[in-house]
Amino acid sequence: MRETILRFESSVNEAIVGQQAVVRQVLIALLADGHVLLESLPGLAKTRTVKAIATRLAATMSRIQFTPDLLPSDITGAETLLQSGTERMLSFQPGPIFGNLILADEINRAPAKVQSALLEAMEERQISVSGKTHQMPDLFLVMATQNPIEQEGTYPLPEAQMDRFLLKVLISYPSPQSEVDMLRLLRRENNAADKPPSVLGQDVIFAVREEISRIAVAPAMDDYIVSLVNATRHGEALDADLGKWIEIGASPRGSIGLDRASRVQAWLQDRKFVTPDDVRAVVHPVLRHRLILSYDANAESISADAVIDRLIEKVAVPA
């Protein structure tokens, strides 16, 4: 199954030139059964990345284009009055949230009330409408995209919603050679007859998740994970700068996310146990959106990734 997943990853990489690290992180979120937030400036293939994964999975994809006039019921669905002959009844009409892969495009262009409509679905895998509960499908993954909050017409996501994302993935500009390859790829796509890619079945995803659940995590690795997260809350005990830079540290979801993502990373490396390298490989996307930086950090242009780099440097690695 590992070879099958790696072929799936390679197929996605063929459609997204020069973003192998991004594709790997989104794959980790898929296998860890966690939601992912992709952030970049406009035009850097956030939506294309999600679509490339969706077209290669035997899954239903729903796209929600977030706009300032969107209503919560536009996402969740609503009770509708139907008439059959002389009989009238209320029937629930499901919204686009009822899919396997949910592309929440430009999620931070909608007001907070609409953004929060996703919270119950993301965390509880269900929504409540008119007092009735409706379950999400077994394969349910929200892949949200957002532009940096400095862009015009954006609203910062509520901290409670940010915490529901397993990973926050940053997409940067491609290298010049990757951009050249991208131009050639698009020309081939436009000139060649469409050849549908091979599709990965949902049963493979569920079987892989079962294998990943059996990856061993030693007590020393549990201590390392918790030490990293705890250092975000009490950074001054390790380093004066950390105490100055971090306003609010990561919640216990940070520890849970590191555990889940590092086990996926170990499985992808064909290991049956987690190592410190696996934790360090995923710590940035797992923690970067869970840290609230102080005024001093923002004034000094210290990023969340720079803070995490200092954490890795200061927290002792288990022997």
C-alpha atoms as a PDB file:
ATOM      1  CA  MET A   1       0.000   0.000   0.000  1.00  0.00           C
ATOM      2  CA  ARG A   2       2.913   2.344   0.587  1.00  0.00           C
ATOM      3  CA  GLU A   3       3.954   2.004  -3.053  1.00  0.00           C
ATOM      4  CA  THR A   4       0.382   2.748  -4.107  1.00  0.00           C
ATOM      5  CA  ILE A   5       0.335   5.917  -2.011  1.00  0.00           C
ATOM      6  CA  LEU A   6       3.728   7.025  -3.366  1.00  0.00           C
ATOM      7  CA  ARG A   7       2.468   6.543  -6.935  1.00  0.00           C
ATOM      8  CA  PHE A   8      -0.554   8.649  -6.024  1.00  0.00           C
ATOM      9  CA  GLU A   9       1.765  11.361  -4.675  1.00  0.00           C
ATOM     10  CA  SER A  10       3.909  11.200  -7.806  1.00  0.00           C
ATOM     11  CA  SER A  11       0.818  11.590  -9.986  1.00  0.00           C
ATOM     12  CA  VAL A  12      -0.211  14.720  -8.072  1.00  0.00           C
ATOM     13  CA  ASN A  13       3.320  16.113  -8.377  1.00  0.00           C
ATOM     14  CA  GLU A  14       3.072  15.791 -12.145  1.00  0.00           C
ATOM     15  CA  ALA A  15       0.186  18.259 -12.088  1.00  0.00           C
ATOM     16  CA  ILE A  16       1.748  20.643  -9.537  1.00  0.00           C
ATOM     17  CA  VAL A  17       5.252  21.537 -10.678  1.00  0.00           C
ATOM     18  CA  GLY A  18       7.854  22.450  -8.073  1.00  0.00           C
ATOM     19  CA  GLN A  19       5.648  22.035  -4.981  1.00  0.00           C
ATOM     20  CA  GLN A  20       6.668  18.579  -3.787  1.00  0.00           C
ATOM     21  CA  ALA A  21       6.840  19.664  -0.134  1.00  0.00           C
ATOM     22  CA  VAL A  22       3.317  21.093  -0.321  1.00  0.00           C
ATOM     23  CA  VAL A  23       1.932  17.915  -1.893  1.00  0.00           C
ATOM     24  CA  ARG A  24       3.636  15.789   0.773  1.00  0.00           C
ATOM     25  CA  GLN A  25       2.125  17.845   3.587  1.00  0.00           C
ATOM     26  CA  VAL A  26      -1.376  17.684   2.103  1.00  0.00           C
ATOM     27  CA  LEU A  27      -0.932  13.917   1.702  1.00  0.00           C
ATOM     28  CA  ILE A  28       0.035  13.687   5.388  1.00  0.00           C
ATOM     29  CA  ALA A  29      -3.183  15.496   6.307  1.00  0.00           C
ATOM     30  CA  LEU A  30      -5.235  13.119   4.153  1.00  0.00           C
ATOM     31  CA  LEU A  31      -3.683  10.010   5.704  1.00  0.00           C
ATOM     32  CA  ALA A  32      -3.865  11.452   9.224  1.00  0.00           C
ATOM     33  CA  ASP A  33      -7.575  12.233   8.760  1.00  0.00           C
ATOM     34  CA  GLY A  34      -7.049  15.914   9.450  1.00  0.00           C
ATOM     35  CA  HIS A  35      -8.031  19.145   7.745  1.00  0.00           C
ATOM     36  CA  VAL A  36      -5.490  21.356   6.011  1.00  0.00           C
ATOM     37  CA  LEU A  37      -5.234  25.109   5.454  1.00  0.00           C
ATOM     38  CA  LEU A  38      -3.201  26.303   2.458  1.00  0.00           C
ATOM     39  CA  GLU A  39      -1.989  29.892   2.468  1.00  0.00           C
ATOM     40  CA  SER A  40      -0.223  31.882  -0.231  1.00  0.00           C
ATOM     41  CA  LEU A  41      -0.509  34.952  -2.344  1.00  0.00           C
ATOM     42  CA  PRO A  42      -3.031  34.706  -5.210  1.00  0.00           C
ATOM     43  CA  GLY A  43      -2.009  32.630  -8.197  1.00  0.00           C
ATOM     44  CA  LEU A  44       0.337  30.138  -6.544  1.00  0.00           C
ATOM     45  CA  ALA A  45      -1.725  27.005  -7.289  1.00  0.00           C
ATOM     46  CA  LYS A  46      -3.618  26.546  -4.012  1.00  0.00           C
ATOM     47  CA  THR A  47      -6.845  25.606  -5.776  1.00  0.00           C
ATOM     48  CA  ARG A  48      -5.016  23.571  -8.423  1.00  0.00           C
ATOM     49  CA  THR A  49      -3.338  21.517  -5.698  1.00  0.00           C
ATOM     50  CA  VAL A  50      -6.667  20.591  -4.127  1.00  0.00           C
ATOM     51  CA  LYS A  51      -8.229  19.801  -7.502  1.00  0.00           C
ATOM     52  CA  ALA A  52      -5.272  17.629  -8.519  1.00  0.00           C
ATOM     53  CA  ILE A  53      -5.737  15.507  -5.393  1.00  0.00           C
ATOM     54  CA  ALA A  54      -9.522  15.330  -5.774  1.00  0.00           C
ATOM     55  CA  THR A  55      -9.394  14.134  -9.394  1.00  0.00           C
ATOM     56  CA  ARG A  56      -7.091  11.291  -8.368  1.00  0.00           C
ATOM     57  CA  LEU A  57      -9.321  10.046  -5.542  1.00  0.00           C
ATOM     58  CA  ALA A  58     -12.542   8.057  -5.861  1.00  0.00           C
ATOM     59  CA  ALA A  59     -14.332  10.736  -3.886  1.00  0.00           C
ATOM     60  CA  THR A  60     -16.937  13.457  -4.195  1.00  0.00           C
ATOM     61  CA  MET A  61     -15.483  16.949  -4.260  1.00  0.00           C
ATOM     62  CA  SER A  62     -17.467  20.042  -3.288  1.00  0.00           C
ATOM     63  CA  ARG A  63     -16.203  23.543  -3.875  1.00  0.00           C
ATOM     64  CA  ILE A  64     -17.369  26.441  -1.723  1.00  0.00           C
ATOM     65  CA  GLN A  65     -16.300  29.846  -2.969  1.00  0.00           C
ATOM     66  CA  PHE A  66     -16.284  32.076   0.106  1.00  0.00           C
ATOM     67  CA  THR A  67     -17.546  35.599  -0.474  1.00  0.00           C
ATOM     68  CA  PRO A  68     -18.650  38.415   1.859  1.00  0.00           C
ATOM     69  CA  ASP A  69     -22.345  37.760   1.144  1.00  0.00           C
ATOM     70  CA  LEU A  70     -22.256  34.000   1.848  1.00  0.00           C
ATOM     71  CA  LEU A  71     -24.700  32.691   4.476  1.00  0.00           C
ATOM     72  CA  PRO A  72     -24.144  29.737   6.857  1.00  0.00           C
ATOM     73  CA  SER A  73     -27.068  27.877   5.245  1.00  0.00           C
ATOM     74  CA  ASP A  74     -25.305  28.166   1.877  1.00  0.00           C
ATOM     75  CA  ILE A  75     -22.699  25.808   3.337  1.00  0.00           C
ATOM     76  CA  THR A  76     -24.660  23.457   5.576  1.00  0.00           C
ATOM     77  CA  GLY A  77     -27.963  23.297   3.703  1.00  0.00           C
ATOM     78  CA  ALA A  78     -31.413  24.046   5.113  1.00  0.00           C
ATOM     79  CA  GLU A  79     -34.911  22.716   5.672  1.00  0.00           C
ATOM     80  CA  THR A  80     -37.069  23.315   2.586  1.00  0.00           C
ATOM     81  CA  LEU A  81     -40.848  23.166   2.340  1.00  0.00           C
ATOM     82  CA  LEU A  82     -41.867  20.633  -0.316  1.00  0.00           C
ATOM     83  CA  GLN A  83     -45.366  20.005  -1.635  1.00  0.00           C
ATOM     84  CA  SER A  84     -46.622  16.727  -3.077  1.00  0.00           C
ATOM     85  CA  GLY A  85     -50.242  17.052  -4.124  1.00  0.00           C
ATOM     86  CA  THR A  86     -52.037  18.450  -1.098  1.00  0.00           C
ATOM     87  CA  GLU A  87     -49.367  17.308   1.343  1.00  0.00           C
ATOM     88  CA  ARG A  88     -46.627  19.612   2.522  1.00  0.00           C
ATOM     89  CA  MET A  89     -43.513  18.560   4.368  1.00  0.00           C
ATOM     90  CA  LEU A  90     -40.163  19.908   5.457  1.00  0.00           C
ATOM     91  CA  SER A  91     -37.203  18.178   3.857  1.00  0.00           C
ATOM     92  CA  PHE A  92     -33.516  18.782   4.523  1.00  0.00           C
ATOM     93  CA  GLN A  93     -31.622  19.804   1.415  1.00  0.00           C
ATOM     94  CA  PRO A  94     -27.915  19.132   2.083  1.00  0.00           C
ATOM     95  CA  GLY A  95     -25.428  21.853   1.242  1.00  0.00           C
ATOM     96  CA  PRO A  96     -22.004  21.497  -0.368  1.00  0.00           C
ATOM     97  CA  ILE A  97     -20.419  20.565   2.974  1.00  0.00           C
ATOM     98  CA  PHE A  98     -21.745  17.027   2.397  1.00  0.00           C
ATOM     99  CA  GLY A  99     -18.888  15.756   0.277  1.00  0.00           C
ATOM    100  CA  ASN A 100     -15.679  13.807   0.751  1.00  0.00           C
ATOM    101  CA  LEU A 101     -13.222  16.548  -0.167  1.00  0.00           C
ATOM    102  CA  ILE A 102     -14.368  20.075   0.581  1.00  0.00           C
ATOM    103  CA  LEU A 103     -12.496  22.845  -1.190  1.00  0.00           C
ATOM    104  CA  ALA A 104     -13.171  25.923   0.939  1.00  0.00           C
ATOM    105  CA  ASP A 105     -11.743  28.464  -1.467  1.00  0.00           C
ATOM    106  CA  GLU A 106     -10.525  31.786  -0.049  1.00  0.00           C
ATOM    107  CA  ILE A 107     -12.098  30.964   3.291  1.00  0.00           C
ATOM    108  CA  ASN A 108     -10.967  34.238   4.851  1.00  0.00           C
ATOM    109  CA  ARG A 109     -12.991  36.359   2.419  1.00  0.00           C
ATOM    110  CA  ALA A 110     -16.197  35.571   4.330  1.00  0.00           C
ATOM    111  CA  PRO A 111     -17.139  37.108   7.707  1.00  0.00           C
ATOM    112  CA  ALA A 112     -16.444  35.182  10.910  1.00  0.00           C
ATOM    113  CA  LYS A 113     -20.059  33.997  11.287  1.00  0.00           C
ATOM    114  CA  VAL A 114     -19.870  32.129   7.996  1.00  0.00           C
ATOM    115  CA  GLN A 115     -16.385  30.796   8.709  1.00  0.00           C
ATOM    116  CA  SER A 116     -17.605  29.381  12.032  1.00  0.00           C
ATOM    117  CA  ALA A 117     -20.324  27.399  10.243  1.00  0.00           C
ATOM    118  CA  LEU A 118     -17.588  24.888   9.397  1.00  0.00           C
ATOM    119  CA  LEU A 119     -16.553  24.344  13.025  1.00  0.00           C
ATOM    120  CA  GLU A 120     -18.989  21.588  14.001  1.00  0.00           C
ATOM    121  CA  ALA A 121     -18.508  19.748  10.718  1.00  0.00           C
ATOM    122  CA  MET A 122     -14.710  19.860  11.013  1.00  0.00           C
ATOM    123  CA  GLU A 123     -14.502  18.778  14.633  1.00  0.00           C
ATOM    124  CA  GLU A 124     -17.572  16.619  15.251  1.00  0.00           C
ATOM    125  CA  ARG A 125     -18.010  15.307  11.686  1.00  0.00           C
ATOM    126  CA  GLN A 126     -21.656  16.327  11.853  1.00  0.00           C
ATOM    127  CA  ILE A 127     -23.888  19.381  11.534  1.00  0.00           C
ATOM    128  CA  SER A 128     -27.115  20.326  13.275  1.00  0.00           C
ATOM    129  CA  VAL A 129     -29.908  21.989  11.320  1.00  0.00           C
ATOM    130  CA  SER A 130     -33.334  22.701  12.833  1.00  0.00           C
ATOM    131  CA  GLY A 131     -32.569  20.479  15.797  1.00  0.00           C
ATOM    132  CA  LYS A 132     -31.577  17.465  13.673  1.00  0.00           C
ATOM    133  CA  THR A 133     -28.085  16.024  13.375  1.00  0.00           C
ATOM    134  CA  HIS A 134     -26.651  15.021  10.004  1.00  0.00           C
ATOM    135  CA  GLN A 135     -23.450  12.957   9.781  1.00  0.00           C
ATOM    136  CA  MET A 136     -20.559  13.659   7.425  1.00  0.00           C
ATOM    137  CA  PRO A 137     -19.244  10.888   5.122  1.00  0.00           C
ATOM    138  CA  ASP A 138     -16.552   8.525   6.447  1.00  0.00           C
ATOM    139  CA  LEU A 139     -13.985  10.195   4.191  1.00  0.00           C
ATOM    140  CA  PHE A 140     -14.319  13.872   5.021  1.00  0.00           C
ATOM    141  CA  LEU A 141     -11.512  16.361   4.544  1.00  0.00           C
ATOM    142  CA  VAL A 142     -11.709  20.147   4.454  1.00  0.00           C
ATOM    143  CA  MET A 143      -8.944  21.648   2.351  1.00  0.00           C
ATOM    144  CA  ALA A 144      -9.236  25.385   2.794  1.00  0.00           C
ATOM    145  CA  THR A 145      -7.279  28.049   0.957  1.00  0.00           C
ATOM    146  CA  GLN A 146      -6.666  31.586   2.119  1.00  0.00           C
ATOM    147  CA  ASN A 147      -4.732  34.647   1.078  1.00  0.00           C
ATOM    148  CA  PRO A 148      -2.557  36.403   3.667  1.00  0.00           C
ATOM    149  CA  ILE A 149      -4.698  38.598   5.892  1.00  0.00           C
ATOM    150  CA  GLU A 150      -2.877  41.687   4.657  1.00  0.00           C
ATOM    151  CA  GLN A 151      -4.633  41.269   1.304  1.00  0.00           C
ATOM    152  CA  GLU A 152      -7.632  43.522   0.650  1.00  0.00           C
ATOM    153  CA  GLY A 153     -11.048  42.069   1.495  1.00  0.00           C
ATOM    154  CA  THR A 154      -9.830  39.362   3.895  1.00  0.00           C
ATOM    155  CA  TYR A 155     -10.891  38.610   7.477  1.00  0.00           C
ATOM    156  CA  PRO A 156      -8.658  36.801   9.987  1.00  0.00           C
ATOM    157  CA  LEU A 157      -9.914  33.317  10.834  1.00  0.00           C
ATOM    158  CA  PRO A 158     -11.104  32.838  14.443  1.00  0.00           C
ATOM    159  CA  GLU A 159      -8.482  31.139  16.622  1.00  0.00           C
ATOM    160  CA  ALA A 160     -10.957  28.342  17.432  1.00  0.00           C
ATOM    161  CA  GLN A 161     -11.303  27.520  13.753  1.00  0.00           C
ATOM    162  CA  MET A 162      -7.566  27.752  13.046  1.00  0.00           C
ATOM    163  CA  ASP A 163      -6.998  25.173  15.788  1.00  0.00           C
ATOM    164  CA  ARG A 164      -9.252  22.686  13.983  1.00  0.00           C
ATOM    165  CA  PHE A 165      -6.846  22.448  11.049  1.00  0.00           C
ATOM    166  CA  LEU A 166      -4.274  19.713  11.488  1.00  0.00           C
ATOM    167  CA  LEU A 167      -1.780  21.478   9.219  1.00  0.00           C
ATOM    168  CA  LYS A 168      -1.224  24.952   7.859  1.00  0.00           C
ATOM    169  CA  VAL A 169       0.760  24.735   4.624  1.00  0.00           C
ATOM    170  CA  LEU A 170       2.540  27.751   3.164  1.00  0.00           C
ATOM    171  CA  ILE A 171       3.022  27.928  -0.598  1.00  0.00           C
ATOM    172  CA  SER A 172       5.872  30.089  -1.863  1.00  0.00           C
ATOM    173  CA  TYR A 173       6.880  31.282  -5.305  1.00  0.00           C
ATOM    174  CA  PRO A 174       8.278  28.515  -7.539  1.00  0.00           C
ATOM    175  CA  SER A 175      11.869  28.556  -8.679  1.00  0.00           C
ATOM    176  CA  PRO A 176      12.547  29.955 -12.177  1.00  0.00           C
ATOM    177  CA  GLN A 177      13.122  26.448 -13.563  1.00  0.00           C
ATOM    178  CA  SER A 178       9.895  25.172 -11.996  1.00  0.00           C
ATOM    179  CA  GLU A 179       8.039  28.079 -13.545  1.00  0.00           C
ATOM    180  CA  VAL A 180       9.460  27.188 -16.962  1.00  0.00           C
ATOM    181  CA  ASP A 181       8.363  23.569 -16.426  1.00  0.00           C
ATOM    182  CA  MET A 182       4.910  24.840 -15.418  1.00  0.00           C
ATOM    183  CA  LEU A 183       4.534  26.746 -18.700  1.00  0.00           C
ATOM    184  CA  ARG A 184       5.475  23.646 -20.694  1.00  0.00           C
ATOM    185  CA  LEU A 185       3.081  21.493 -18.658  1.00  0.00           C
ATOM    186  CA  LEU A 186       0.178  23.851 -19.302  1.00  0.00           C
ATOM    187  CA  ARG A 187       0.933  23.870 -23.033  1.00  0.00           C
ATOM    188  CA  ARG A 188       0.887  20.075 -23.089  1.00  0.00           C
ATOM    189  CA  GLU A 189      -2.399  20.024 -21.192  1.00  0.00           C
ATOM    190  CA  ASN A 190      -3.961  22.472 -23.633  1.00  0.00           C
ATOM    191  CA  ASN A 191      -2.708  20.713 -26.766  1.00  0.00           C
ATOM    192  CA  ALA A 192      -3.127  17.068 -25.799  1.00  0.00           C
ATOM    193  CA  ALA A 193      -6.302  15.049 -25.496  1.00  0.00           C
ATOM    194  CA  ASP A 194      -7.407  14.717 -21.902  1.00  0.00           C
ATOM    195  CA  LYS A 195      -6.221  11.458 -20.404  1.00  0.00           C
ATOM    196  CA  PRO A 196      -7.852  10.853 -17.027  1.00  0.00           C
ATOM    197  CA  PRO A 197      -5.370   9.974 -14.264  1.00  0.00           C
ATOM    198  CA  SER A 198      -5.619   6.737 -12.337  1.00  0.00           C
ATOM    199  CA  VAL A 199      -7.969   6.951  -9.359  1.00  0.00           C
ATOM    200  CA  LEU A 200      -7.187   5.845  -5.798  1.00  0.00           C
ATOM    201  CA  GLY A 201     -10.043   4.096  -3.997  1.00  0.00           C
ATOM    202  CA  GLN A 202     -11.287   5.174  -0.581  1.00  0.00           C
ATOM    203  CA  ASP A 203     -10.719   1.655   0.743  1.00  0.00           C
ATOM    204  CA  VAL A 204      -6.960   2.157   0.264  1.00  0.00           C
ATOM    205  CA  ILE A 205      -7.039   5.354   2.328  1.00  0.00           C
ATOM    206  CA  PHE A 206      -8.897   3.617   5.162  1.00  0.00           C
ATOM    207  CA  ALA A 207      -6.531   0.618   5.060  1.00  0.00           C
ATOM    208  CA  VAL A 208      -3.481   2.886   5.194  1.00  0.00           C
ATOM    209  CA  ARG A 209      -4.945   4.767   8.152  1.00  0.00           C
ATOM    210  CA  GLU A 210      -5.342   1.444   9.929  1.00  0.00           C
ATOM    211  CA  GLU A 211      -1.661   0.629   9.295  1.00  0.00           C
ATOM    212  CA  ILE A 212      -0.588   4.061  10.520  1.00  0.00           C
ATOM    213  CA  SER A 213      -2.538   3.573  13.760  1.00  0.00           C
ATOM    214  CA  ARG A 214      -0.181   0.667  14.517  1.00  0.00           C
ATOM    215  CA  ILE A 215       3.012   2.742  14.165  1.00  0.00           C
ATOM    216  CA  ALA A 216       4.859   2.537  17.495  1.00  0.00           C
ATOM    217  CA  VAL A 217       5.530   5.675  19.513  1.00  0.00           C
ATOM    218  CA  ALA A 218       8.029   5.251  22.354  1.00  0.00           C
ATOM    219  CA  PRO A 219       7.455   7.003  25.702  1.00  0.00           C
ATOM    220  CA  ALA A 220      10.529   9.146  25.015  1.00  0.00           C
ATOM    221  CA  MET A 221       8.888  10.394  21.812  1.00  0.00           C
ATOM    222  CA  ASP A 222       5.701  11.240  23.696  1.00  0.00           C
ATOM    223  CA  ASP A 223       7.828  13.293  26.093  1.00  0.00           C
ATOM    224  CA  TYR A 224       9.556  15.033  23.163  1.00  0.00           C
ATOM    225  CA  ILE A 225       6.248  15.947  21.510  1.00  0.00           C
ATOM    226  CA  VAL A 226       4.795  17.303  24.736  1.00  0.00           C
ATOM    227  CA  SER A 227       8.026  19.168  25.525  1.00  0.00           C
ATOM    228  CA  LEU A 228       7.874  20.971  22.174  1.00  0.00           C
ATOM    229  CA  VAL A 229       4.268  21.999  22.690  1.00  0.00           C
ATOM    230  CA  ASN A 230       4.777  22.913  26.333  1.00  0.00           C
ATOM    231  CA  ALA A 231       7.697  25.121  25.345  1.00  0.00           C
ATOM    232  CA  THR A 232       5.268  27.279  23.351  1.00  0.00           C
ATOM    233  CA  ARG A 233       3.436  28.013  26.615  1.00  0.00           C
ATOM    234  CA  HIS A 234       6.449  28.504  28.890  1.00  0.00           C
ATOM    235  CA  GLY A 235       9.136  29.575  26.460  1.00  0.00           C
ATOM    236  CA  GLU A 236      10.804  31.898  28.964  1.00  0.00           C
ATOM    237  CA  ALA A 237      12.050  28.821  30.858  1.00  0.00           C
ATOM    238  CA  LEU A 238      14.161  27.856  27.829  1.00  0.00           C
ATOM    239  CA  ASP A 239      15.003  31.130  26.157  1.00  0.00           C
ATOM    240  CA  ALA A 240      14.305  34.786  26.894  1.00  0.00           C
ATOM    241  CA  ASP A 241      13.380  35.493  23.265  1.00  0.00           C
ATOM    242  CA  LEU A 242      10.790  32.714  23.211  1.00  0.00           C
ATOM    243  CA  GLY A 243       9.099  34.167  26.263  1.00  0.00           C
ATOM    244  CA  LYS A 244       9.073  37.574  24.580  1.00  0.00           C
ATOM    245  CA  TRP A 245       7.850  36.371  21.180  1.00  0.00           C
ATOM    246  CA  ILE A 246       4.944  34.051  22.117  1.00  0.00           C
ATOM    247  CA  GLU A 247       1.760  35.611  23.456  1.00  0.00           C
ATOM    248  CA  ILE A 248      -0.299  32.390  23.600  1.00  0.00           C
ATOM    249  CA  GLY A 249       1.072  28.893  23.035  1.00  0.00           C
ATOM    250  CA  ALA A 250      -0.391  25.847  21.334  1.00  0.00           C
ATOM    251  CA  SER A 251      -3.349  23.941  22.783  1.00  0.00           C
ATOM    252  CA  PRO A 252      -3.303  20.163  23.436  1.00  0.00           C
ATOM    253  CA  ARG A 253      -4.480  19.786  19.830  1.00  0.00           C
ATOM    254  CA  GLY A 254      -0.888  20.663  18.971  1.00  0.00           C
ATOM    255  CA  SER A 255       0.377  17.551  20.748  1.00  0.00           C
ATOM    256  CA  ILE A 256      -2.348  15.425  19.164  1.00  0.00           C
ATOM    257  CA  GLY A 257      -1.527  16.825  15.733  1.00  0.00           C
ATOM    258  CA  LEU A 258       2.198  16.179  16.137  1.00  0.00           C
ATOM    259  CA  ASP A 259       1.505  12.588  17.170  1.00  0.00           C
ATOM    260  CA  ARG A 260      -0.791  11.908  14.201  1.00  0.00           C
ATOM    261  CA  ALA A 261       1.343  13.652  11.600  1.00  0.00           C
ATOM    262  CA  SER A 262       4.643  12.170  12.777  1.00  0.00           C
ATOM    263  CA  ARG A 263       3.217   8.648  12.598  1.00  0.00           C
ATOM    264  CA  VAL A 264       2.176   9.288   8.986  1.00  0.00           C
ATOM    265  CA  GLN A 265       5.659  10.645   8.253  1.00  0.00           C
ATOM    266  CA  ALA A 266       7.227   7.516   9.752  1.00  0.00           C
ATOM    267  CA  TRP A 267       4.928   5.287   7.667  1.00  0.00           C
ATOM    268  CA  LEU A 268       5.848   7.161   4.475  1.00  0.00           C
ATOM    269  CA  GLN A 269       9.522   6.603   5.335  1.00  0.00           C
ATOM    270  CA  ASP A 270       8.779   2.860   5.657  1.00  0.00           C
ATOM    271  CA  ARG A 271       9.418   2.745   9.390  1.00  0.00           C
ATOM    272  CA  LYS A 272       7.317   1.060  12.056  1.00  0.00           C
ATOM    273  CA  PHE A 273       8.216   3.577  14.765  1.00  0.00           C
ATOM    274  CA  VAL A 274       8.464   7.350  15.149  1.00  0.00           C
ATOM    275  CA  THR A 275      11.842   9.088  15.407  1.00  0.00           C
ATOM    276  CA  PRO A 276      12.727  12.685  16.370  1.00  0.00           C
ATOM    277  CA  ASP A 277      13.333  13.387  12.685  1.00  0.00           C
ATOM    278  CA  ASP A 278       9.704  12.484  11.946  1.00  0.00           C
ATOM    279  CA  VAL A 279       8.487  14.956  14.574  1.00  0.00           C
ATOM    280  CA  ARG A 280      10.772  17.721  13.319  1.00  0.00           C
ATOM    281  CA  ALA A 281       9.644  17.085   9.733  1.00  0.00           C
ATOM    282  CA  VAL A 282       6.038  17.998  10.578  1.00  0.00           C
ATOM    283  CA  VAL A 283       6.375  20.415  13.497  1.00  0.00           C
ATOM    284  CA  HIS A 284       6.212  23.596  11.389  1.00  0.00           C
ATOM    285  CA  PRO A 285       2.903  22.904   9.585  1.00  0.00           C
ATOM    286  CA  VAL A 286       1.372  21.472  12.773  1.00  0.00           C
ATOM    287  CA  LEU A 287       2.257  24.369  15.095  1.00  0.00           C
ATOM    288  CA  ARG A 288       2.651  27.507  12.976  1.00  0.00           C
ATOM    289  CA  HIS A 289      -1.064  28.378  13.042  1.00  0.00           C
ATOM    290  CA  ARG A 290      -1.505  27.533  16.729  1.00  0.00           C
ATOM    291  CA  LEU A 291       0.883  30.216  18.004  1.00  0.00           C
ATOM    292  CA  ILE A 292      -0.278  33.748  18.724  1.00  0.00           C
ATOM    293  CA  LEU A 293       2.782  35.958  18.521  1.00  0.00           C
ATOM    294  CA  SER A 294       3.319  39.003  20.665  1.00  0.00           C
ATOM    295  CA  TYR A 295       3.542  42.626  19.619  1.00  0.00           C
ATOM    296  CA  ASP A 296       7.322  42.429  20.054  1.00  0.00           C
ATOM    297  CA  ALA A 297       7.564  39.507  17.601  1.00  0.00           C
ATOM    298  CA  ASN A 298       5.451  41.312  15.032  1.00  0.00           C
ATOM    299  CA  ALA A 299       7.448  44.511  15.500  1.00  0.00           C
ATOM    300  CA  GLU A 300      10.678  42.579  14.901  1.00  0.00           C
ATOM    301  CA  SER A 301       9.138  40.710  11.901  1.00  0.00           C
ATOM    302  CA  ILE A 302       9.619  37.368  13.660  1.00  0.00           C
ATOM    303  CA  SER A 303       7.521  34.695  11.941  1.00  0.00           C
ATOM    304  CA  ALA A 304       5.920  31.669  13.552  1.00  0.00           C
ATOM    305  CA  ASP A 305       8.353  29.457  11.636  1.00  0.00           C
ATOM    306  CA  ALA A 306      11.303  31.354  13.115  1.00  0.00           C
ATOM    307  CA  VAL A 307       9.854  30.815  16.591  1.00  0.00           C
ATOM    308  CA  ILE A 308       9.476  27.083  15.893  1.00  0.00           C
ATOM    309  CA  ASP A 309      13.065  26.936  14.646  1.00  0.00           C
ATOM    310  CA  ARG A 310      14.167  28.329  18.007  1.00  0.00           C
ATOM    311  CA  LEU A 311      11.970  25.783  19.818  1.00  0.00           C
ATOM    312  CA  ILE A 312      13.599  22.916  17.939  1.00  0.00           C
ATOM    313  CA  GLU A 313      16.999  24.320  18.824  1.00  0.00           C
ATOM    314  CA  LYS A 314      16.225  24.679  22.535  1.00  0.00           C
ATOM    315  CA  VAL A 315      14.149  21.559  23.312  1.00  0.00           C
ATOM    316  CA  ALA A 316      16.363  18.561  24.043  1.00  0.00           C
ATOM    317  CA  VAL A 317      16.121  15.586  21.670  1.00  0.00           C
ATOM    318  CA  PRO A 318      15.576  12.244  23.463  1.00  0.00           C
ATOM    319  CA  ALA A 319      18.543   9.919  23.420  1.00  0.00           C
END
